[in-house]
């Protein structure tokens, strides 16, 4: 959509849809904020994939802030325009959830591996301590 004024209409120039200037800029600001939120979501996803949870959390806060700000400006934005942007955000949210689940699974596997290693070392320590005490009887 392009903004028009009465002067454009007086000269016979018309856009597909005449949009008051204020509405056009509100729509533009809203969509820009949603696109920024989408880019921020991509950065959040990259951080999660790299295991940078604190950085991902910071990106999530920024994405949330941008989205809430866009929603406040969305009253005059056509629903079909909003739906396109919100579907993109929904898709990135699905990818973020998958990345978090993958990271959680990796941590659980690492924890299980570490716990098993700790048990093995504790058993080794106990066995060597017992063997050493058998070699050097107390007098």
N, C-alpha and C. Protein backbone atom coordinates (compact mmCIF):
# COMPACT_ATOMS: atom_id res chain seq x y z
N UNK A 1 0.84 -1.18 0.00
CA UNK A 1 0.00 0.00 0.00
C UNK A 1 0.88 1.24 0.00
N UNK A 2 0.40 2.25 -0.69
CA UNK A 2 1.15 3.48 -0.78
C UNK A 2 0.28 4.60 -0.23
N UNK A 3 0.91 5.58 0.40
CA UNK A 3 0.10 6.69 0.93
C UNK A 3 -0.37 7.59 -0.20
N UNK A 4 -1.54 8.14 -0.03
CA UNK A 4 -2.04 9.12 -0.99
C UNK A 4 -2.54 10.33 -0.22
N UNK A 5 -2.63 11.40 -0.90
CA UNK A 5 -3.23 12.60 -0.33
C UNK A 5 -4.33 13.05 -1.27
N UNK A 6 -5.09 14.01 -0.86
CA UNK A 6 -6.15 14.54 -1.73
C UNK A 6 -5.57 15.12 -3.00
N UNK A 7 -4.38 15.70 -2.94
CA UNK A 7 -3.75 16.29 -4.12
C UNK A 7 -3.52 15.21 -5.18
N UNK A 8 -3.10 14.02 -4.76
CA UNK A 8 -2.90 12.93 -5.71
C UNK A 8 -4.23 12.54 -6.35
N UNK A 9 -5.27 12.49 -5.57
CA UNK A 9 -6.56 12.09 -6.09
C UNK A 9 -7.12 13.16 -7.03
N UNK A 10 -6.87 14.45 -6.74
CA UNK A 10 -7.35 15.53 -7.60
C UNK A 10 -6.71 15.45 -8.98
N UNK A 11 -5.48 14.97 -9.08
CA UNK A 11 -4.79 14.87 -10.36
C UNK A 11 -5.13 13.56 -11.07
N UNK A 12 -6.00 12.77 -10.48
CA UNK A 12 -6.39 11.52 -11.11
C UNK A 12 -5.44 10.38 -10.81
N UNK A 13 -4.45 10.61 -9.94
CA UNK A 13 -3.53 9.55 -9.57
C UNK A 13 -4.13 8.76 -8.41
N UNK A 14 -4.18 7.48 -8.59
CA UNK A 14 -4.73 6.66 -7.52
C UNK A 14 -3.84 5.45 -7.29
N UNK A 15 -3.79 5.03 -6.05
CA UNK A 15 -3.13 3.79 -5.70
C UNK A 15 -4.20 2.72 -5.65
N UNK A 16 -3.80 1.50 -5.45
CA UNK A 16 -4.78 0.43 -5.35
C UNK A 16 -5.76 0.71 -4.22
N UNK A 17 -5.23 1.27 -3.14
CA UNK A 17 -6.09 1.58 -2.01
C UNK A 17 -5.56 2.86 -1.38
N UNK A 18 -6.43 3.82 -1.20
CA UNK A 18 -6.02 5.07 -0.56
C UNK A 18 -5.92 4.84 0.93
N UNK A 19 -4.78 5.14 1.48
CA UNK A 19 -4.54 4.96 2.91
C UNK A 19 -4.17 6.30 3.50
N UNK A 20 -4.85 6.73 4.55
CA UNK A 20 -4.46 7.98 5.18
C UNK A 20 -2.99 7.90 5.60
N UNK A 21 -2.29 9.02 5.51
CA UNK A 21 -0.85 9.05 5.79
C UNK A 21 -0.52 8.49 7.17
N UNK A 22 -1.28 8.87 8.19
CA UNK A 22 -0.99 8.42 9.54
C UNK A 22 -1.12 6.90 9.63
N UNK A 23 -2.16 6.34 9.03
CA UNK A 23 -2.36 4.89 9.06
C UNK A 23 -1.21 4.17 8.35
N UNK A 24 -0.75 4.73 7.23
CA UNK A 24 0.34 4.11 6.49
C UNK A 24 1.59 4.03 7.35
N UNK A 25 1.92 5.12 8.03
CA UNK A 25 3.13 5.12 8.84
C UNK A 25 2.98 4.25 10.08
N UNK A 26 1.79 4.14 10.64
CA UNK A 26 1.56 3.25 11.77
C UNK A 26 1.73 1.80 11.30
N UNK A 27 1.16 1.48 10.15
CA UNK A 27 1.29 0.13 9.61
C UNK A 27 2.76 -0.18 9.35
N UNK A 28 3.44 0.78 8.73
CA UNK A 28 4.85 0.60 8.41
C UNK A 28 5.66 0.37 9.68
N UNK A 29 5.42 1.15 10.73
CA UNK A 29 6.14 1.01 11.99
C UNK A 29 5.85 -0.35 12.62
N UNK A 30 4.60 -0.74 12.61
CA UNK A 30 4.20 -2.02 13.18
C UNK A 30 4.90 -3.17 12.45
N UNK A 31 4.86 -3.16 11.15
CA UNK A 31 5.47 -4.23 10.35
C UNK A 31 6.98 -4.23 10.53
N UNK A 32 7.60 -3.04 10.57
CA UNK A 32 9.04 -2.97 10.81
C UNK A 32 9.41 -3.59 12.15
N UNK A 33 8.62 -3.30 13.17
CA UNK A 33 8.88 -3.88 14.50
C UNK A 33 8.74 -5.40 14.47
N UNK A 34 7.73 -5.89 13.78
CA UNK A 34 7.54 -7.34 13.69
C UNK A 34 8.68 -8.00 12.90
N UNK A 35 9.16 -7.33 11.86
CA UNK A 35 10.30 -7.86 11.11
C UNK A 35 11.57 -7.85 11.97
N UNK A 36 11.74 -6.81 12.78
CA UNK A 36 12.87 -6.77 13.72
C UNK A 36 12.76 -7.91 14.73
N UNK A 37 11.54 -8.16 15.20
CA UNK A 37 11.32 -9.26 16.14
C UNK A 37 11.68 -10.59 15.49
N UNK A 38 11.36 -10.74 14.23
CA UNK A 38 11.69 -11.96 13.51
C UNK A 38 13.21 -12.13 13.39
N UNK A 39 13.91 -11.07 13.03
CA UNK A 39 15.38 -11.13 12.94
C UNK A 39 15.99 -11.43 14.31
N UNK A 40 15.41 -10.85 15.34
CA UNK A 40 15.89 -11.11 16.71
C UNK A 40 15.66 -12.58 17.07
N UNK A 41 14.53 -13.13 16.64
CA UNK A 41 14.26 -14.55 16.87
C UNK A 41 15.30 -15.43 16.19
N UNK A 42 15.73 -15.04 15.01
CA UNK A 42 16.77 -15.80 14.30
C UNK A 42 18.08 -15.75 15.09
N UNK A 43 18.41 -14.58 15.65
CA UNK A 43 19.62 -14.46 16.45
C UNK A 43 19.51 -15.29 17.73
N UNK A 44 18.32 -15.30 18.30
CA UNK A 44 18.06 -16.12 19.48
C UNK A 44 18.27 -17.60 19.15
N UNK A 45 17.77 -18.01 17.99
CA UNK A 45 17.92 -19.40 17.55
C UNK A 45 19.39 -19.76 17.37
N UNK A 46 20.15 -18.87 16.75
CA UNK A 46 21.59 -19.11 16.56
C UNK A 46 22.29 -19.26 17.91
N UNK A 47 21.94 -18.40 18.86
CA UNK A 47 22.55 -18.48 20.18
C UNK A 47 22.22 -19.81 20.86
N UNK A 48 20.97 -20.26 20.74
CA UNK A 48 20.59 -21.55 21.34
C UNK A 48 21.36 -22.70 20.70
N UNK A 49 21.50 -22.66 19.40
CA UNK A 49 22.22 -23.73 18.69
C UNK A 49 23.68 -23.77 19.10
N UNK A 50 24.23 -22.60 19.48
CA UNK A 50 25.61 -22.53 19.95
C UNK A 50 25.73 -22.80 21.44
N UNK A 51 24.60 -23.05 22.11
CA UNK A 51 24.62 -23.32 23.54
C UNK A 51 24.77 -22.08 24.41
N UNK A 52 24.59 -20.91 23.83
CA UNK A 52 24.73 -19.65 24.55
C UNK A 52 23.37 -19.25 25.12
N UNK A 53 23.02 -19.88 26.23
CA UNK A 53 21.68 -19.72 26.79
C UNK A 53 21.44 -18.30 27.30
N UNK A 54 22.44 -17.71 27.94
CA UNK A 54 22.26 -16.34 28.46
C UNK A 54 22.06 -15.35 27.32
N UNK A 55 22.80 -15.50 26.24
CA UNK A 55 22.63 -14.62 25.09
C UNK A 55 21.26 -14.84 24.46
N UNK A 56 20.84 -16.09 24.37
CA UNK A 56 19.52 -16.40 23.82
C UNK A 56 18.43 -15.76 24.66
N UNK A 57 18.61 -15.77 25.96
CA UNK A 57 17.63 -15.15 26.86
C UNK A 57 17.54 -13.64 26.62
N UNK A 58 18.68 -13.02 26.40
CA UNK A 58 18.68 -11.57 26.10
C UNK A 58 17.96 -11.29 24.79
N UNK A 59 18.19 -12.13 23.78
CA UNK A 59 17.51 -11.96 22.49
C UNK A 59 16.01 -12.18 22.65
N UNK A 60 15.63 -13.14 23.51
CA UNK A 60 14.21 -13.41 23.73
C UNK A 60 13.52 -12.20 24.35
N UNK A 61 14.18 -11.56 25.31
CA UNK A 61 13.61 -10.36 25.93
C UNK A 61 13.42 -9.25 24.90
N UNK A 62 14.39 -9.09 24.02
CA UNK A 62 14.30 -8.06 22.98
C UNK A 62 13.18 -8.40 21.99
N UNK A 63 13.07 -9.66 21.62
CA UNK A 63 12.01 -10.10 20.70
C UNK A 63 10.64 -9.84 21.32
N UNK A 64 10.51 -10.13 22.57
CA UNK A 64 9.24 -9.90 23.28
C UNK A 64 8.91 -8.41 23.32
N UNK A 65 9.91 -7.59 23.62
CA UNK A 65 9.70 -6.14 23.68
C UNK A 65 9.24 -5.60 22.33
N UNK A 66 9.90 -6.02 21.27
CA UNK A 66 9.54 -5.56 19.92
C UNK A 66 8.13 -6.01 19.54
N UNK A 67 7.80 -7.24 19.86
CA UNK A 67 6.47 -7.77 19.52
C UNK A 67 5.38 -7.01 20.26
N UNK A 68 5.58 -6.77 21.55
CA UNK A 68 4.57 -6.03 22.32
C UNK A 68 4.41 -4.60 21.81
N UNK A 69 5.52 -3.99 21.44
CA UNK A 69 5.46 -2.63 20.90
C UNK A 69 4.70 -2.63 19.57
N UNK A 70 4.94 -3.62 18.74
CA UNK A 70 4.25 -3.72 17.45
C UNK A 70 2.75 -3.92 17.66
N UNK A 71 2.40 -4.74 18.62
CA UNK A 71 0.98 -4.99 18.89
C UNK A 71 0.27 -3.69 19.28
N UNK A 72 0.94 -2.84 20.03
CA UNK A 72 0.34 -1.56 20.42
C UNK A 72 0.07 -0.66 19.21
N UNK A 73 0.84 -0.85 18.14
CA UNK A 73 0.69 -0.04 16.93
C UNK A 73 -0.18 -0.72 15.86
N UNK A 74 -0.74 -1.87 16.17
CA UNK A 74 -1.37 -2.69 15.14
C UNK A 74 -2.84 -2.39 14.87
N UNK A 75 -3.45 -1.48 15.59
CA UNK A 75 -4.89 -1.26 15.45
C UNK A 75 -5.33 -0.93 14.03
N UNK A 76 -4.54 -0.16 13.30
CA UNK A 76 -4.95 0.27 11.97
C UNK A 76 -4.30 -0.55 10.85
N UNK A 77 -3.67 -1.63 11.21
CA UNK A 77 -3.01 -2.47 10.22
C UNK A 77 -4.00 -3.54 9.75
N UNK A 78 -4.14 -3.71 8.44
CA UNK A 78 -5.06 -4.74 7.94
C UNK A 78 -4.71 -6.12 8.51
N UNK A 79 -5.74 -6.86 8.83
CA UNK A 79 -5.57 -8.17 9.46
C UNK A 79 -4.74 -9.11 8.60
N UNK A 80 -4.93 -9.10 7.29
CA UNK A 80 -4.18 -10.01 6.44
C UNK A 80 -2.68 -9.70 6.48
N UNK A 81 -2.33 -8.44 6.63
CA UNK A 81 -0.92 -8.04 6.73
C UNK A 81 -0.35 -8.55 8.05
N UNK A 82 -1.12 -8.37 9.12
CA UNK A 82 -0.66 -8.85 10.43
C UNK A 82 -0.51 -10.37 10.45
N UNK A 83 -1.46 -11.06 9.84
CA UNK A 83 -1.41 -12.52 9.84
C UNK A 83 -0.14 -13.06 9.19
N UNK A 84 0.29 -12.44 8.12
CA UNK A 84 1.51 -12.88 7.45
C UNK A 84 2.69 -12.77 8.41
N UNK A 85 2.80 -11.64 9.09
CA UNK A 85 3.92 -11.43 10.00
C UNK A 85 3.83 -12.34 11.23
N UNK A 86 2.63 -12.52 11.76
CA UNK A 86 2.48 -13.37 12.93
C UNK A 86 2.70 -14.85 12.59
N UNK A 87 2.39 -15.25 11.37
CA UNK A 87 2.70 -16.63 10.97
C UNK A 87 4.21 -16.83 10.90
N UNK A 88 4.94 -15.82 10.46
CA UNK A 88 6.41 -15.91 10.44
C UNK A 88 6.94 -16.03 11.87
N UNK A 89 6.38 -15.24 12.78
CA UNK A 89 6.80 -15.32 14.18
C UNK A 89 6.43 -16.67 14.79
N UNK A 90 5.28 -17.20 14.43
CA UNK A 90 4.88 -18.52 14.92
C UNK A 90 5.88 -19.58 14.46
N UNK A 91 6.31 -19.47 13.21
CA UNK A 91 7.25 -20.45 12.68
C UNK A 91 8.60 -20.38 13.40
N UNK A 92 9.09 -19.17 13.65
CA UNK A 92 10.36 -19.05 14.38
C UNK A 92 10.19 -19.55 15.81
N UNK A 93 9.01 -19.34 16.40
CA UNK A 93 8.76 -19.83 17.76
C UNK A 93 8.82 -21.36 17.78
N UNK A 94 8.28 -22.01 16.77
CA UNK A 94 8.35 -23.47 16.69
C UNK A 94 9.80 -23.93 16.60
N UNK A 95 10.59 -23.23 15.80
CA UNK A 95 12.01 -23.58 15.67
C UNK A 95 12.76 -23.34 16.98
N UNK A 96 12.40 -22.28 17.70
CA UNK A 96 13.02 -22.01 18.99
C UNK A 96 12.69 -23.11 20.00
N UNK A 97 11.45 -23.53 20.03
CA UNK A 97 11.04 -24.60 20.94
C UNK A 97 11.80 -25.88 20.63
N UNK A 98 11.96 -26.18 19.35
CA UNK A 98 12.71 -27.37 18.96
C UNK A 98 14.17 -27.26 19.40
N UNK A 99 14.77 -26.08 19.23
CA UNK A 99 16.16 -25.88 19.63
C UNK A 99 16.32 -26.03 21.15
N UNK A 100 15.37 -25.51 21.91
CA UNK A 100 15.42 -25.64 23.37
C UNK A 100 15.29 -27.11 23.76
N UNK A 101 14.38 -27.82 23.12
CA UNK A 101 14.22 -29.25 23.42
C UNK A 101 15.49 -30.03 23.07
N UNK A 102 16.12 -29.69 21.96
CA UNK A 102 17.37 -30.36 21.57
C UNK A 102 18.47 -30.08 22.59
N UNK A 103 18.56 -28.83 23.02
CA UNK A 103 19.58 -28.45 23.99
C UNK A 103 19.34 -29.16 25.32
N UNK A 104 18.10 -29.25 25.74
CA UNK A 104 17.74 -29.94 26.98
C UNK A 104 18.11 -31.42 26.90
N UNK A 105 17.80 -32.04 25.77
CA UNK A 105 18.13 -33.44 25.56
C UNK A 105 19.65 -33.65 25.62
N UNK A 106 20.40 -32.74 24.98
CA UNK A 106 21.86 -32.84 25.00
C UNK A 106 22.39 -32.72 26.42
N UNK A 107 21.82 -31.79 27.19
CA UNK A 107 22.26 -31.62 28.59
C UNK A 107 21.94 -32.86 29.42
N UNK A 108 20.77 -33.44 29.21
CA UNK A 108 20.41 -34.64 29.95
C UNK A 108 21.36 -35.79 29.62
N UNK A 109 21.71 -35.92 28.35
CA UNK A 109 22.65 -36.97 27.96
C UNK A 109 24.02 -36.72 28.57
N UNK A 110 24.45 -35.48 28.56
CA UNK A 110 25.76 -35.14 29.14
C UNK A 110 25.75 -35.39 30.65
N UNK A 111 24.65 -35.05 31.30
CA UNK A 111 24.53 -35.29 32.74
C UNK A 111 24.59 -36.78 33.04
N UNK A 112 23.87 -37.57 32.26
CA UNK A 112 23.88 -39.02 32.46
C UNK A 112 25.28 -39.58 32.23
N UNK A 113 25.96 -39.11 31.21
CA UNK A 113 27.31 -39.57 30.93
C UNK A 113 28.25 -39.19 32.07
N UNK A 114 28.14 -37.95 32.55
CA UNK A 114 28.98 -37.48 33.66
C UNK A 114 28.69 -38.26 34.93
N UNK A 115 27.42 -38.52 35.20
CA UNK A 115 27.04 -39.28 36.39
C UNK A 115 27.63 -40.69 36.31
N UNK A 116 27.55 -41.33 35.16
CA UNK A 116 28.12 -42.65 34.97
C UNK A 116 29.63 -42.64 35.17
N UNK A 117 30.29 -41.62 34.64
CA UNK A 117 31.73 -41.49 34.80
C UNK A 117 32.10 -41.28 36.27
N UNK A 118 31.32 -40.50 36.98
CA UNK A 118 31.57 -40.27 38.41
C UNK A 118 31.44 -41.57 39.20
N UNK A 119 30.42 -42.34 38.89
CA UNK A 119 30.23 -43.63 39.57
C UNK A 119 31.39 -44.58 39.27
N UNK A 120 31.82 -44.60 38.03
CA UNK A 120 32.95 -45.47 37.66
C UNK A 120 34.20 -45.07 38.42
N UNK A 121 34.46 -43.76 38.49
CA UNK A 121 35.65 -43.29 39.21
C UNK A 121 35.55 -43.57 40.71
N UNK A 122 34.36 -43.42 41.27
CA UNK A 122 34.17 -43.71 42.69
C UNK A 122 34.43 -45.19 42.96
N UNK A 123 33.96 -46.06 42.07
CA UNK A 123 34.21 -47.50 42.21
C UNK A 123 35.69 -47.81 42.09
N UNK A 124 36.36 -47.17 41.16
CA UNK A 124 37.80 -47.36 40.99
C UNK A 124 38.54 -46.91 42.24
N UNK A 125 38.15 -45.79 42.78
CA UNK A 125 38.79 -45.27 43.99
C UNK A 125 38.61 -46.24 45.15
N UNK A 126 37.40 -46.76 45.29
CA UNK A 126 37.12 -47.70 46.37
C UNK A 126 37.93 -48.99 46.19
N UNK A 127 38.00 -49.46 44.96
CA UNK A 127 38.74 -50.70 44.68
C UNK A 127 40.23 -50.52 44.94
N UNK A 128 40.80 -49.40 44.52
CA UNK A 128 42.23 -49.18 44.75
C UNK A 128 42.52 -48.97 46.22
N UNK A 129 41.64 -48.30 46.94
CA UNK A 129 41.84 -48.09 48.38
C UNK A 129 41.81 -49.43 49.09
N UNK A 130 40.90 -50.31 48.71
CA UNK A 130 40.80 -51.64 49.32
C UNK A 130 42.04 -52.46 49.00
N UNK A 131 42.48 -52.40 47.74
CA UNK A 131 43.66 -53.15 47.33
C UNK A 131 44.91 -52.66 48.08
N UNK A 132 45.03 -51.37 48.26
CA UNK A 132 46.19 -50.82 48.97
C UNK A 132 46.16 -51.21 50.45
N UNK A 133 44.97 -51.24 51.02
CA UNK A 133 44.88 -51.60 52.44
C UNK A 133 45.20 -53.07 52.64
N UNK A 134 44.95 -53.93 51.65
CA UNK A 134 45.29 -55.35 51.73
C UNK A 134 46.79 -55.55 51.63
N UNK A 135 47.47 -54.69 50.86
CA UNK A 135 48.91 -54.82 50.68
C UNK A 135 49.67 -54.36 51.92
N UNK A 136 49.11 -53.41 52.63
CA UNK A 136 49.79 -52.86 53.81
C UNK A 136 48.92 -53.09 55.03
N UNK A 137 48.98 -54.27 55.60
CA UNK A 137 48.14 -54.53 56.77
C UNK A 137 48.54 -53.66 57.93
N UNK A 138 47.59 -53.33 58.74
CA UNK A 138 47.85 -52.51 59.93
C UNK A 138 48.57 -53.34 60.97
N UNK A 139 49.51 -52.74 61.64
CA UNK A 139 50.26 -53.46 62.69
C UNK A 139 49.88 -53.03 64.06
